Amino acid sequence: RRERLLDAGIALIGAPDGSVANVRAVC
């Protein structure tokens, strides 16, 4: 689960538009 969250964080924080990586979006 932790790995899935971190992978999601990389995708969101590293999105081309600098997407918001709030808790809800990450989950």
mmCIF file of all heavy atoms, coordinates in Angstrom:
data_MODEL
# 
_entry.id   MODEL 
# 
loop_
_atom_site.group_PDB 
_atom_site.id 
_atom_site.type_symbol 
_atom_site.label_atom_id 
_atom_site.label_alt_id 
_atom_site.label_comp_id 
_atom_site.label_asym_id 
_atom_site.label_entity_id 
_atom_site.label_seq_id 
_atom_site.pdbx_PDB_ins_code 
_atom_site.Cartn_x 
_atom_site.Cartn_y 
_atom_site.Cartn_z 
_atom_site.occupancy 
_atom_site.B_iso_or_equiv 
_atom_site.pdbx_formal_charge 
_atom_site.auth_seq_id 
_atom_site.auth_comp_id 
_atom_site.auth_asym_id 
_atom_site.auth_atom_id 
_atom_site.pdbx_PDB_model_num 
ATOM 1   N N   . ARG A 1 1  ? 0.835   -1.206 0.000   1.00 0.00 ? 1  ARG A N   1 
ATOM 2   C CA  . ARG A 1 1  ? 0.000   0.000  0.000   1.00 0.00 ? 1  ARG A CA  1 
ATOM 3   C C   . ARG A 1 1  ? 0.873   1.261  0.000   1.00 0.00 ? 1  ARG A C   1 
ATOM 4   O O   . ARG A 1 1  ? 0.616   2.210  -0.744  1.00 0.00 ? 1  ARG A O   1 
ATOM 5   C CB  . ARG A 1 1  ? -0.944  0.007  1.208   1.00 0.00 ? 1  ARG A CB  1 
ATOM 6   C CG  . ARG A 1 1  ? -2.091  -0.965 1.090   1.00 0.00 ? 1  ARG A CG  1 
ATOM 7   C CD  . ARG A 1 1  ? -3.136  -0.733 2.157   1.00 0.00 ? 1  ARG A CD  1 
ATOM 8   N NE  . ARG A 1 1  ? -2.660  -0.973 3.506   1.00 0.00 ? 1  ARG A NE  1 
ATOM 9   C CZ  . ARG A 1 1  ? -2.846  -2.108 4.186   1.00 0.00 ? 1  ARG A CZ  1 
ATOM 10  N NH1 . ARG A 1 1  ? -3.492  -3.126 3.629   1.00 0.00 ? 1  ARG A NH1 1 
ATOM 11  N NH2 . ARG A 1 1  ? -2.404  -2.222 5.421   1.00 0.00 ? 1  ARG A NH2 1 
ATOM 12  N N   . ARG A 1 2  ? 1.913   1.246  0.817   1.00 0.00 ? 2  ARG A N   1 
ATOM 13  C CA  . ARG A 1 2  ? 2.827   2.395  0.893   1.00 0.00 ? 2  ARG A CA  1 
ATOM 14  C C   . ARG A 1 2  ? 3.485   2.625  -0.471  1.00 0.00 ? 2  ARG A C   1 
ATOM 15  O O   . ARG A 1 2  ? 3.593   3.762  -0.936  1.00 0.00 ? 2  ARG A O   1 
ATOM 16  C CB  . ARG A 1 2  ? 3.873   2.133  1.975   1.00 0.00 ? 2  ARG A CB  1 
ATOM 17  C CG  . ARG A 1 2  ? 4.892   3.218  2.140   1.00 0.00 ? 2  ARG A CG  1 
ATOM 18  C CD  . ARG A 1 2  ? 5.894   2.822  3.246   1.00 0.00 ? 2  ARG A CD  1 
ATOM 19  N NE  . ARG A 1 2  ? 7.002   3.709  3.316   1.00 0.00 ? 2  ARG A NE  1 
ATOM 20  C CZ  . ARG A 1 2  ? 7.016   4.901  3.862   1.00 0.00 ? 2  ARG A CZ  1 
ATOM 21  N NH1 . ARG A 1 2  ? 5.918   5.378  4.406   1.00 0.00 ? 2  ARG A NH1 1 
ATOM 22  N NH2 . ARG A 1 2  ? 8.104   5.639  3.875   1.00 0.00 ? 2  ARG A NH2 1 
ATOM 23  N N   . GLU A 1 3  ? 3.900   1.555  -1.112  1.00 0.00 ? 3  GLU A N   1 
ATOM 24  C CA  . GLU A 1 3  ? 4.528   1.652  -2.427  1.00 0.00 ? 3  GLU A CA  1 
ATOM 25  C C   . GLU A 1 3  ? 3.547   2.230  -3.452  1.00 0.00 ? 3  GLU A C   1 
ATOM 26  O O   . GLU A 1 3  ? 3.921   3.059  -4.277  1.00 0.00 ? 3  GLU A O   1 
ATOM 27  C CB  . GLU A 1 3  ? 5.011   0.262  -2.855  1.00 0.00 ? 3  GLU A CB  1 
ATOM 28  C CG  . GLU A 1 3  ? 5.950   0.270  -4.017  1.00 0.00 ? 3  GLU A CG  1 
ATOM 29  C CD  . GLU A 1 3  ? 6.533   -1.105 -4.245  1.00 0.00 ? 3  GLU A CD  1 
ATOM 30  O OE1 . GLU A 1 3  ? 7.402   -1.530 -3.465  1.00 0.00 ? 3  GLU A OE1 1 
ATOM 31  O OE2 . GLU A 1 3  ? 6.093   -1.765 -5.211  1.00 0.00 ? 3  GLU A OE2 1 
ATOM 32  N N   . ARG A 1 4  ? 2.303   1.792  -3.411  1.00 0.00 ? 4  ARG A N   1 
ATOM 33  C CA  . ARG A 1 4  ? 1.291   2.321  -4.330  1.00 0.00 ? 4  ARG A CA  1 
ATOM 34  C C   . ARG A 1 4  ? 1.075   3.816  -4.105  1.00 0.00 ? 4  ARG A C   1 
ATOM 35  O O   . ARG A 1 4  ? 0.929   4.584  -5.060  1.00 0.00 ? 4  ARG A O   1 
ATOM 36  C CB  . ARG A 1 4  ? -0.026  1.566  -4.170  1.00 0.00 ? 4  ARG A CB  1 
ATOM 37  C CG  . ARG A 1 4  ? 0.022   0.186  -4.815  1.00 0.00 ? 4  ARG A CG  1 
ATOM 38  C CD  . ARG A 1 4  ? -1.192  -0.646 -4.535  1.00 0.00 ? 4  ARG A CD  1 
ATOM 39  N NE  . ARG A 1 4  ? -2.452  -0.028 -4.899  1.00 0.00 ? 4  ARG A NE  1 
ATOM 40  C CZ  . ARG A 1 4  ? -3.633  -0.527 -4.579  1.00 0.00 ? 4  ARG A CZ  1 
ATOM 41  N NH1 . ARG A 1 4  ? -3.715  -1.658 -3.893  1.00 0.00 ? 4  ARG A NH1 1 
ATOM 42  N NH2 . ARG A 1 4  ? -4.731  0.086  -4.940  1.00 0.00 ? 4  ARG A NH2 1 
ATOM 43  N N   . LEU A 1 5  ? 1.053   4.228  -2.852  1.00 0.00 ? 5  LEU A N   1 
ATOM 44  C CA  . LEU A 1 5  ? 0.892   5.641  -2.540  1.00 0.00 ? 5  LEU A CA  1 
ATOM 45  C C   . LEU A 1 5  ? 2.087   6.457  -3.048  1.00 0.00 ? 5  LEU A C   1 
ATOM 46  O O   . LEU A 1 5  ? 1.914   7.523  -3.629  1.00 0.00 ? 5  LEU A O   1 
ATOM 47  C CB  . LEU A 1 5  ? 0.708   5.838  -1.031  1.00 0.00 ? 5  LEU A CB  1 
ATOM 48  C CG  . LEU A 1 5  ? -0.630  5.361  -0.469  1.00 0.00 ? 5  LEU A CG  1 
ATOM 49  C CD1 . LEU A 1 5  ? -0.555  5.203  1.044   1.00 0.00 ? 5  LEU A CD1 1 
ATOM 50  C CD2 . LEU A 1 5  ? -1.758  6.315  -0.869  1.00 0.00 ? 5  LEU A CD2 1 
ATOM 51  N N   . LEU A 1 6  ? 3.296   5.948  -2.839  1.00 0.00 ? 6  LEU A N   1 
ATOM 52  C CA  . LEU A 1 6  ? 4.493   6.651  -3.310  1.00 0.00 ? 6  LEU A CA  1 
ATOM 53  C C   . LEU A 1 6  ? 4.516   6.749  -4.828  1.00 0.00 ? 6  LEU A C   1 
ATOM 54  O O   . LEU A 1 6  ? 4.853   7.800  -5.387  1.00 0.00 ? 6  LEU A O   1 
ATOM 55  C CB  . LEU A 1 6  ? 5.750   5.972  -2.779  1.00 0.00 ? 6  LEU A CB  1 
ATOM 56  C CG  . LEU A 1 6  ? 5.994   6.134  -1.274  1.00 0.00 ? 6  LEU A CG  1 
ATOM 57  C CD1 . LEU A 1 6  ? 7.104   5.209  -0.806  1.00 0.00 ? 6  LEU A CD1 1 
ATOM 58  C CD2 . LEU A 1 6  ? 6.306   7.580  -0.919  1.00 0.00 ? 6  LEU A CD2 1 
ATOM 59  N N   . ASP A 1 7  ? 4.141   5.672  -5.507  1.00 0.00 ? 7  ASP A N   1 
ATOM 60  C CA  . ASP A 1 7  ? 4.073   5.700  -6.972  1.00 0.00 ? 7  ASP A CA  1 
ATOM 61  C C   . ASP A 1 7  ? 3.051   6.736  -7.447  1.00 0.00 ? 7  ASP A C   1 
ATOM 62  O O   . ASP A 1 7  ? 3.308   7.478  -8.405  1.00 0.00 ? 7  ASP A O   1 
ATOM 63  C CB  . ASP A 1 7  ? 3.725   4.321  -7.529  1.00 0.00 ? 7  ASP A CB  1 
ATOM 64  C CG  . ASP A 1 7  ? 4.877   3.333  -7.428  1.00 0.00 ? 7  ASP A CG  1 
ATOM 65  O OD1 . ASP A 1 7  ? 6.038   3.758  -7.218  1.00 0.00 ? 7  ASP A OD1 1 
ATOM 66  O OD2 . ASP A 1 7  ? 4.617   2.116  -7.555  1.00 0.00 ? 7  ASP A OD2 1 
ATOM 67  N N   . ALA A 1 8  ? 1.911   6.788  -6.771  1.00 0.00 ? 8  ALA A N   1 
ATOM 68  C CA  . ALA A 1 8  ? 0.893   7.784  -7.112  1.00 0.00 ? 8  ALA A CA  1 
ATOM 69  C C   . ALA A 1 8  ? 1.439   9.190  -6.862  1.00 0.00 ? 8  ALA A C   1 
ATOM 70  O O   . ALA A 1 8  ? 1.192   10.110 -7.651  1.00 0.00 ? 8  ALA A O   1 
ATOM 71  C CB  . ALA A 1 8  ? -0.380  7.548  -6.298  1.00 0.00 ? 8  ALA A CB  1 
ATOM 72  N N   . GLY A 1 9  ? 2.194   9.349  -5.798  1.00 0.00 ? 9  GLY A N   1 
ATOM 73  C CA  . GLY A 1 9  ? 2.792   10.649 -5.488  1.00 0.00 ? 9  GLY A CA  1 
ATOM 74  C C   . GLY A 1 9  ? 3.777   11.089 -6.553  1.00 0.00 ? 9  GLY A C   1 
ATOM 75  O O   . GLY A 1 9  ? 3.796   12.270 -6.943  1.00 0.00 ? 9  GLY A O   1 
ATOM 76  N N   . ILE A 1 10 ? 4.590   10.166 -7.034  1.00 0.00 ? 10 ILE A N   1 
ATOM 77  C CA  . ILE A 1 10 ? 5.530   10.505 -8.111  1.00 0.00 ? 10 ILE A CA  1 
ATOM 78  C C   . ILE A 1 10 ? 4.762   10.982 -9.338  1.00 0.00 ? 10 ILE A C   1 
ATOM 79  O O   . ILE A 1 10 ? 5.103   11.995 -9.942  1.00 0.00 ? 10 ILE A O   1 
ATOM 80  C CB  . ILE A 1 10 ? 6.436   9.308  -8.449  1.00 0.00 ? 10 ILE A CB  1 
ATOM 81  C CG1 . ILE A 1 10 ? 7.400   9.028  -7.293  1.00 0.00 ? 10 ILE A CG1 1 
ATOM 82  C CG2 . ILE A 1 10 ? 7.210   9.558  -9.745  1.00 0.00 ? 10 ILE A CG2 1 
ATOM 83  C CD1 . ILE A 1 10 ? 8.161   7.715  -7.409  1.00 0.00 ? 10 ILE A CD1 1 
ATOM 84  N N   . ALA A 1 11 ? 3.708   10.257 -9.692  1.00 0.00 ? 11 ALA A N   1 
ATOM 85  C CA  . ALA A 1 11 ? 2.918   10.631 -10.875 1.00 0.00 ? 11 ALA A CA  1 
ATOM 86  C C   . ALA A 1 11 ? 2.241   11.987 -10.698 1.00 0.00 ? 11 ALA A C   1 
ATOM 87  O O   . ALA A 1 11 ? 2.237   12.807 -11.630 1.00 0.00 ? 11 ALA A O   1 
ATOM 88  C CB  . ALA A 1 11 ? 1.878   9.550  -11.163 1.00 0.00 ? 11 ALA A CB  1 
ATOM 89  N N   . LEU A 1 12 ? 1.694   12.256 -9.520  1.00 0.00 ? 12 LEU A N   1 
ATOM 90  C CA  . LEU A 1 12 ? 0.967   13.518 -9.312  1.00 0.00 ? 12 LEU A CA  1 
ATOM 91  C C   . LEU A 1 12 ? 1.908   14.701 -9.115  1.00 0.00 ? 12 LEU A C   1 
ATOM 92  O O   . LEU A 1 12 ? 1.728   15.758 -9.733  1.00 0.00 ? 12 LEU A O   1 
ATOM 93  C CB  . LEU A 1 12 ? 0.031   13.395 -8.104  1.00 0.00 ? 12 LEU A CB  1 
ATOM 94  C CG  . LEU A 1 12 ? -1.175  12.492 -8.307  1.00 0.00 ? 12 LEU A CG  1 
ATOM 95  C CD1 . LEU A 1 12 ? -1.915  12.299 -6.993  1.00 0.00 ? 12 LEU A CD1 1 
ATOM 96  C CD2 . LEU A 1 12 ? -2.104  13.081 -9.359  1.00 0.00 ? 12 LEU A CD2 1 
ATOM 97  N N   . ILE A 1 13 ? 2.909   14.549 -8.269  1.00 0.00 ? 13 ILE A N   1 
ATOM 98  C CA  . ILE A 1 13 ? 3.849   15.645 -8.027  1.00 0.00 ? 13 ILE A CA  1 
ATOM 99  C C   . ILE A 1 13 ? 4.671   15.913 -9.278  1.00 0.00 ? 13 ILE A C   1 
ATOM 100 O O   . ILE A 1 13 ? 5.032   17.048 -9.572  1.00 0.00 ? 13 ILE A O   1 
ATOM 101 C CB  . ILE A 1 13 ? 4.753   15.338 -6.818  1.00 0.00 ? 13 ILE A CB  1 
ATOM 102 C CG1 . ILE A 1 13 ? 3.903   15.218 -5.548  1.00 0.00 ? 13 ILE A CG1 1 
ATOM 103 C CG2 . ILE A 1 13 ? 5.834   16.401 -6.643  1.00 0.00 ? 13 ILE A CG2 1 
ATOM 104 C CD1 . ILE A 1 13 ? 4.635   14.593 -4.371  1.00 0.00 ? 13 ILE A CD1 1 
ATOM 105 N N   . GLY A 1 14 ? 4.930   14.866 -10.047 1.00 0.00 ? 14 GLY A N   1 
ATOM 106 C CA  . GLY A 1 14 ? 5.713   14.990 -11.267 1.00 0.00 ? 14 GLY A CA  1 
ATOM 107 C C   . GLY A 1 14 ? 4.892   15.179 -12.520 1.00 0.00 ? 14 GLY A C   1 
ATOM 108 O O   . GLY A 1 14 ? 5.411   15.044 -13.628 1.00 0.00 ? 14 GLY A O   1 
ATOM 109 N N   . ALA A 1 15 ? 3.621   15.492 -12.378 1.00 0.00 ? 15 ALA A N   1 
ATOM 110 C CA  . ALA A 1 15 ? 2.770   15.732 -13.554 1.00 0.00 ? 15 ALA A CA  1 
ATOM 111 C C   . ALA A 1 15 ? 3.253   16.978 -14.289 1.00 0.00 ? 15 ALA A C   1 
ATOM 112 O O   . ALA A 1 15 ? 3.754   17.915 -13.666 1.00 0.00 ? 15 ALA A O   1 
ATOM 113 C CB  . ALA A 1 15 ? 1.314   15.896 -13.126 1.00 0.00 ? 15 ALA A CB  1 
ATOM 114 N N   . PRO A 1 16 ? 3.108   16.999 -15.613 1.00 0.00 ? 16 PRO A N   1 
ATOM 115 C CA  . PRO A 1 16 ? 3.587   18.153 -16.391 1.00 0.00 ? 16 PRO A CA  1 
ATOM 116 C C   . PRO A 1 16 ? 3.012   19.487 -15.924 1.00 0.00 ? 16 PRO A C   1 
ATOM 117 O O   . PRO A 1 16 ? 3.678   20.502 -15.958 1.00 0.00 ? 16 PRO A O   1 
ATOM 118 C CB  . PRO A 1 16 ? 3.135   17.849 -17.817 1.00 0.00 ? 16 PRO A CB  1 
ATOM 119 C CG  . PRO A 1 16 ? 2.914   16.388 -17.855 1.00 0.00 ? 16 PRO A CG  1 
ATOM 120 C CD  . PRO A 1 16 ? 2.521   15.975 -16.462 1.00 0.00 ? 16 PRO A CD  1 
ATOM 121 N N   . ASP A 1 17 ? 1.767   19.482 -15.470 1.00 0.00 ? 17 ASP A N   1 
ATOM 122 C CA  . ASP A 1 17 ? 1.126   20.726 -15.048 1.00 0.00 ? 17 ASP A CA  1 
ATOM 123 C C   . ASP A 1 17 ? 1.294   20.994 -13.555 1.00 0.00 ? 17 ASP A C   1 
ATOM 124 O O   . ASP A 1 17 ? 0.723   21.944 -13.031 1.00 0.00 ? 17 ASP A O   1 
ATOM 125 C CB  . ASP A 1 17 ? -0.358  20.703 -15.402 1.00 0.00 ? 17 ASP A CB  1 
ATOM 126 C CG  . ASP A 1 17 ? -1.110  19.560 -14.720 1.00 0.00 ? 17 ASP A CG  1 
ATOM 127 O OD1 . ASP A 1 17 ? -0.474  18.744 -14.020 1.00 0.00 ? 17 ASP A OD1 1 
ATOM 128 O OD2 . ASP A 1 17 ? -2.337  19.481 -14.905 1.00 0.00 ? 17 ASP A OD2 1 
ATOM 129 N N   . GLY A 1 18 ? 2.087   20.158 -12.882 1.00 0.00 ? 18 GLY A N   1 
ATOM 130 C CA  . GLY A 1 18 ? 2.292   20.349 -11.450 1.00 0.00 ? 18 GLY A CA  1 
ATOM 131 C C   . GLY A 1 18 ? 1.015   20.117 -10.666 1.00 0.00 ? 18 GLY A C   1 
ATOM 132 O O   . GLY A 1 18 ? 0.671   20.879 -9.778  1.00 0.00 ? 18 GLY A O   1 
ATOM 133 N N   . SER A 1 19 ? 0.333   19.045 -10.993 1.00 0.00 ? 19 SER A N   1 
ATOM 134 C CA  . SER A 1 19 ? -0.947  18.734 -10.360 1.00 0.00 ? 19 SER A CA  1 
ATOM 135 C C   . SER A 1 19 ? -0.865  18.795 -8.842  1.00 0.00 ? 19 SER A C   1 
ATOM 136 O O   . SER A 1 19 ? 0.168   18.551 -8.247  1.00 0.00 ? 19 SER A O   1 
ATOM 137 C CB  . SER A 1 19 ? -1.405  17.331 -10.756 1.00 0.00 ? 19 SER A CB  1 
ATOM 138 O OG  . SER A 1 19 ? -1.706  17.275 -12.106 1.00 0.00 ? 19 SER A OG  1 
ATOM 139 N N   . VAL A 1 20 ? -2.003  19.100 -8.268  1.00 0.00 ? 20 VAL A N   1 
ATOM 140 C CA  . VAL A 1 20 ? -2.091  19.140 -6.814  1.00 0.00 ? 20 VAL A CA  1 
ATOM 141 C C   . VAL A 1 20 ? -2.063  17.711 -6.285  1.00 0.00 ? 20 VAL A C   1 
ATOM 142 O O   . VAL A 1 20 ? -2.819  16.855 -6.729  1.00 0.00 ? 20 VAL A O   1 
ATOM 143 C CB  . VAL A 1 20 ? -3.395  19.847 -6.379  1.00 0.00 ? 20 VAL A CB  1 
ATOM 144 C CG1 . VAL A 1 20 ? -3.543  19.812 -4.873  1.00 0.00 ? 20 VAL A CG1 1 
ATOM 145 C CG2 . VAL A 1 20 ? -3.417  21.269 -6.894  1.00 0.00 ? 20 VAL A CG2 1 
ATOM 146 N N   . ALA A 1 21 ? -1.168  17.475 -5.371  1.00 0.00 ? 21 ALA A N   1 
ATOM 147 C CA  . ALA A 1 21 ? -1.049  16.134 -4.780  1.00 0.00 ? 21 ALA A CA  1 
ATOM 148 C C   . ALA A 1 21 ? -1.599  16.178 -3.365  1.00 0.00 ? 21 ALA A C   1 
ATOM 149 O O   . ALA A 1 21 ? -0.879  15.965 -2.397  1.00 0.00 ? 21 ALA A O   1 
ATOM 150 C CB  . ALA A 1 21 ? 0.410   15.681 -4.792  1.00 0.00 ? 21 ALA A CB  1 
ATOM 151 N N   . ASN A 1 22 ? -2.905  16.463 -3.257  1.00 0.00 ? 22 ASN A N   1 
ATOM 152 C CA  . ASN A 1 22 ? -3.488  16.426 -1.916  1.00 0.00 ? 22 ASN A CA  1 
ATOM 153 C C   . ASN A 1 22 ? -3.785  14.978 -1.537  1.00 0.00 ? 22 ASN A C   1 
ATOM 154 O O   . ASN A 1 22 ? -3.704  14.076 -2.375  1.00 0.00 ? 22 ASN A O   1 
ATOM 155 C CB  . ASN A 1 22 ? -4.732  17.326 -1.828  1.00 0.00 ? 22 ASN A CB  1 
ATOM 156 C CG  . ASN A 1 22 ? -5.822  16.905 -2.788  1.00 0.00 ? 22 ASN A CG  1 
ATOM 157 O OD1 . ASN A 1 22 ? -6.080  15.719 -2.988  1.00 0.00 ? 22 ASN A OD1 1 
ATOM 158 N ND2 . ASN A 1 22 ? -6.466  17.895 -3.404  1.00 0.00 ? 22 ASN A ND2 1 
ATOM 159 N N   . VAL A 1 23 ? -4.095  14.753 -0.293  1.00 0.00 ? 23 VAL A N   1 
ATOM 160 C CA  . VAL A 1 23 ? -4.287  13.389 0.213   1.00 0.00 ? 23 VAL A CA  1 
ATOM 161 C C   . VAL A 1 23 ? -5.368  12.661 -0.569  1.00 0.00 ? 23 VAL A C   1 
ATOM 162 O O   . VAL A 1 23 ? -5.192  11.508 -0.970  1.00 0.00 ? 23 VAL A O   1 
ATOM 163 C CB  . VAL A 1 23 ? -4.605  13.406 1.727   1.00 0.00 ? 23 VAL A CB  1 
ATOM 164 C CG1 . VAL A 1 23 ? -4.977  12.009 2.226   1.00 0.00 ? 23 VAL A CG1 1 
ATOM 165 C CG2 . VAL A 1 23 ? -3.432  13.969 2.515   1.00 0.00 ? 23 VAL A CG2 1 
ATOM 166 N N   . ARG A 1 24 ? -6.457  13.332 -0.821  1.00 0.00 ? 24 ARG A N   1 
ATOM 167 C CA  . ARG A 1 24 ? -7.565  12.696 -1.540  1.00 0.00 ? 24 ARG A CA  1 
ATOM 168 C C   . ARG A 1 24 ? -7.144  12.281 -2.951  1.00 0.00 ? 24 ARG A C   1 
ATOM 169 O O   . ARG A 1 24 ? -7.442  11.176 -3.406  1.00 0.00 ? 24 ARG A O   1 
ATOM 170 C CB  . ARG A 1 24 ? -8.759  13.645 -1.605  1.00 0.00 ? 24 ARG A CB  1 
ATOM 171 C CG  . ARG A 1 24 ? -9.983  12.999 -2.244  1.00 0.00 ? 24 ARG A CG  1 
ATOM 172 C CD  . ARG A 1 24 ? -11.202 13.847 -2.074  1.00 0.00 ? 24 ARG A CD  1 
ATOM 173 N NE  . ARG A 1 24 ? -11.529 13.830 -0.655  1.00 0.00 ? 24 ARG A NE  1 
ATOM 174 C CZ  . ARG A 1 24 ? -12.299 14.725 -0.050  1.00 0.00 ? 24 ARG A CZ  1 
ATOM 175 N NH1 . ARG A 1 24 ? -12.812 15.720 -0.722  1.00 0.00 ? 24 ARG A NH1 1 
ATOM 176 N NH2 . ARG A 1 24 ? -12.554 14.636 1.224   1.00 0.00 ? 24 ARG A NH2 1 
ATOM 177 N N   . ALA A 1 25 ? -6.440  13.148 -3.660  1.00 0.00 ? 25 ALA A N   1 
ATOM 178 C CA  . ALA A 1 25 ? -5.999  12.833 -5.029  1.00 0.00 ? 25 ALA A CA  1 
ATOM 179 C C   . ALA A 1 25 ? -5.013  11.672 -5.034  1.00 0.00 ? 25 ALA A C   1 
ATOM 180 O O   . ALA A 1 25 ? -5.082  10.793 -5.893  1.00 0.00 ? 25 ALA A O   1 
ATOM 181 C CB  . ALA A 1 25 ? -5.372  14.064 -5.674  1.00 0.00 ? 25 ALA A CB  1 
ATOM 182 N N   . VAL A 1 26 ? -4.115  11.661 -4.080  1.00 0.00 ? 26 VAL A N   1 
ATOM 183 C CA  . VAL A 1 26 ? -3.133  10.570 -3.984  1.00 0.00 ? 26 VAL A CA  1 
ATOM 184 C C   . VAL A 1 26 ? -3.848  9.252  -3.716  1.00 0.00 ? 26 VAL A C   1 
ATOM 185 O O   . VAL A 1 26 ? -3.562  8.230  -4.360  1.00 0.00 ? 26 VAL A O   1 
ATOM 186 C CB  . VAL A 1 26 ? -2.084  10.863 -2.884  1.00 0.00 ? 26 VAL A CB  1 
ATOM 187 C CG1 . VAL A 1 26 ? -1.221  9.641  -2.610  1.00 0.00 ? 26 VAL A CG1 1 
ATOM 188 C CG2 . VAL A 1 26 ? -1.225  12.052 -3.278  1.00 0.00 ? 26 VAL A CG2 1 
ATOM 189 N N   . CYS A 1 27 ? -4.781  9.268  -2.791  1.00 0.00 ? 27 CYS A N   1 
ATOM 190 C CA  . CYS A 1 27 ? -5.518  8.037  -2.459  1.00 0.00 ? 27 CYS A CA  1 
ATOM 191 C C   . CYS A 1 27 ? -6.343  7.560  -3.652  1.00 0.00 ? 27 CYS A C   1 
ATOM 192 O O   . CYS A 1 27 ? -6.400  6.359  -3.928  1.00 0.00 ? 27 CYS A O   1 
ATOM 193 C CB  . CYS A 1 27 ? -6.415  8.268  -1.246  1.00 0.00 ? 27 CYS A CB  1 
ATOM 194 S SG  . CYS A 1 27 ? -5.479  8.501  0.274   1.00 0.00 ? 27 CYS A SG  1 
# 
